[in-house]
Amino acid sequence: MFGIGGGELIFIVLIAVMIFGSKGIPDVARFLGKTMAQIKHATNDIKTEINNSAKENGMDMNSLTGGISEEIQKAKEGISKAVNPLENISSDIQNPIQKVKEDIENITGPIKRQL
């Protein structure tokens, strides 16, 4: 939860009780809830207006942001490979082992049929 541990959360609650008192905490929480709802509503209105104006001008917002998402994903994969080169080594090892197993089965298959 936002990178806050249990001890830090208890510390924040204690500070809030000391500052606002036990009777003022519900009012502060109510105020914060209303404020967060208003901010969320305002950001949703802004997003809607941006999307509507983009559609009116013939722009597709999904195509604009889709390329960025793909590039970010490629960058993440590249960083992951650079940081942890042994991550995909199991597939590099499993493929030759599987090929050898198949070769052995192909060789021993006719022998088993003869027995």
Protein backbone atom coordinates (compact mmCIF):
# COMPACT_ATOMS: atom_id res chain seq x y z
CA MET A 1 0.00 0.00 0.00
CA PHE A 2 1.96 3.00 -1.32
CA GLY A 3 5.20 1.53 0.03
CA ILE A 4 4.16 2.21 3.63
CA GLY A 5 4.77 -0.54 6.17
CA GLY A 6 2.70 -1.36 9.24
CA GLY A 7 4.93 0.51 11.67
CA GLU A 8 4.95 3.61 9.50
CA LEU A 9 1.16 3.50 9.19
CA ILE A 10 0.76 3.29 12.98
CA PHE A 11 3.15 6.23 13.36
CA ILE A 12 1.11 8.31 10.89
CA VAL A 13 -2.13 7.46 12.73
CA LEU A 14 -0.59 8.45 16.08
CA ILE A 15 0.59 11.78 14.64
CA ALA A 16 -2.88 12.41 13.18
CA VAL A 17 -4.55 11.68 16.53
CA MET A 18 -2.14 14.05 18.29
CA ILE A 19 -2.74 16.84 15.77
CA PHE A 20 -6.51 16.58 15.21
CA GLY A 21 -7.67 14.74 18.32
CA SER A 22 -9.83 11.64 18.36
CA LYS A 23 -13.02 13.64 17.70
CA GLY A 24 -11.58 15.48 14.68
CA ILE A 25 -10.30 12.41 12.80
CA PRO A 26 -13.70 11.48 11.23
CA ASP A 27 -14.16 15.05 9.97
CA VAL A 28 -10.67 15.07 8.46
CA ALA A 29 -11.26 11.67 6.84
CA ARG A 30 -14.60 12.83 5.43
CA PHE A 31 -12.98 15.98 4.04
CA LEU A 32 -10.14 13.98 2.46
CA GLY A 33 -12.63 11.52 0.94
CA LYS A 34 -14.70 14.30 -0.62
CA THR A 35 -11.58 16.04 -1.90
CA MET A 36 -10.23 12.85 -3.48
CA ALA A 37 -13.62 12.19 -5.13
CA GLN A 38 -13.64 15.72 -6.57
CA ILE A 39 -10.10 15.33 -7.90
CA LYS A 40 -10.97 11.98 -9.47
CA HIS A 41 -14.10 13.45 -11.07
CA ALA A 42 -12.11 16.42 -12.42
CA THR A 43 -9.38 14.21 -13.93
CA ASN A 44 -12.03 12.00 -15.55
CA ASP A 45 -13.65 15.12 -17.06
CA ILE A 46 -10.29 16.27 -18.41
CA LYS A 47 -9.60 12.84 -19.93
CA THR A 48 -13.04 12.82 -21.55
CA GLU A 49 -12.52 16.29 -23.01
CA ILE A 50 -9.11 15.35 -24.40
CA ASN A 51 -10.49 12.17 -26.00
CA ASN A 52 -13.49 14.03 -27.46
CA SER A 53 -11.35 16.79 -28.97
CA ALA A 54 -8.93 14.20 -30.36
CA LYS A 55 -11.82 12.32 -32.01
CA GLU A 56 -13.19 15.57 -33.47
CA ASN A 57 -9.80 16.26 -35.02
CA GLY A 58 -9.54 12.73 -36.43
CA MET A 59 -6.89 11.44 -34.06
CA ASP A 60 -7.06 8.01 -32.47
CA MET A 61 -5.72 8.16 -28.91
CA ASN A 62 -5.28 4.38 -28.69
CA SER A 63 -2.94 4.32 -31.68
CA LEU A 64 -0.94 7.21 -30.22
CA THR A 65 -0.42 5.58 -26.83
CA GLY A 66 -0.15 2.00 -28.13
CA GLY A 67 3.27 2.55 -29.69
CA ILE A 68 4.60 4.05 -26.48
CA SER A 69 3.39 1.07 -24.46
CA GLU A 70 5.09 -1.35 -26.84
CA GLU A 71 8.36 0.57 -26.65
CA ILE A 72 8.21 0.62 -22.85
CA GLN A 73 7.61 -3.15 -22.83
CA LYS A 74 10.59 -3.72 -25.16
CA ALA A 75 12.78 -1.54 -22.93
CA LYS A 76 11.69 -3.50 -19.84
CA GLU A 77 12.53 -6.79 -21.53
CA GLY A 78 15.92 -5.46 -22.62
CA ILE A 79 16.73 -4.25 -19.13
CA SER A 80 15.56 -7.54 -17.64
CA LYS A 81 17.83 -9.49 -19.98
CA ALA A 82 20.77 -7.20 -19.22
CA VAL A 83 20.28 -7.37 -15.46
CA ASN A 84 19.50 -11.08 -15.27
CA PRO A 85 21.10 -12.92 -18.20
CA LEU A 86 20.46 -16.34 -16.61
CA GLU A 87 16.68 -15.83 -16.62
CA ASN A 88 16.08 -17.44 -20.02
CA ILE A 89 18.93 -19.91 -19.87
CA SER A 90 16.60 -22.78 -18.98
CA SER A 91 14.99 -22.69 -22.44
CA ASP A 92 18.47 -22.57 -24.01
CA ILE A 93 19.37 -25.73 -22.09
CA GLN A 94 16.02 -27.51 -22.41
CA ASN A 95 15.87 -27.31 -26.21
CA PRO A 96 19.10 -29.30 -26.86
CA ILE A 97 18.20 -31.79 -24.12
CA GLN A 98 14.76 -32.32 -25.66
CA LYS A 99 16.37 -32.81 -29.09
CA VAL A 100 18.75 -35.45 -27.71
CA LYS A 101 15.82 -37.25 -26.04
CA GLU A 102 13.91 -37.29 -29.31
CA ASP A 103 16.98 -38.60 -31.15
CA ILE A 104 17.40 -41.40 -28.58
CA GLU A 105 13.70 -42.30 -28.86
CA ASN A 106 13.98 -42.33 -32.66
CA ILE A 107 16.96 -44.68 -32.43
CA THR A 108 15.54 -46.97 -29.73
CA GLY A 109 12.02 -47.01 -31.18
CA PRO A 110 12.78 -49.62 -33.85
CA ILE A 111 14.83 -51.64 -31.33
CA LYS A 112 11.90 -51.75 -28.90
CA ARG A 113 9.56 -52.86 -31.67
CA GLN A 114 11.89 -55.74 -32.49
CA LEU A 115 11.89 -56.92 -28.87
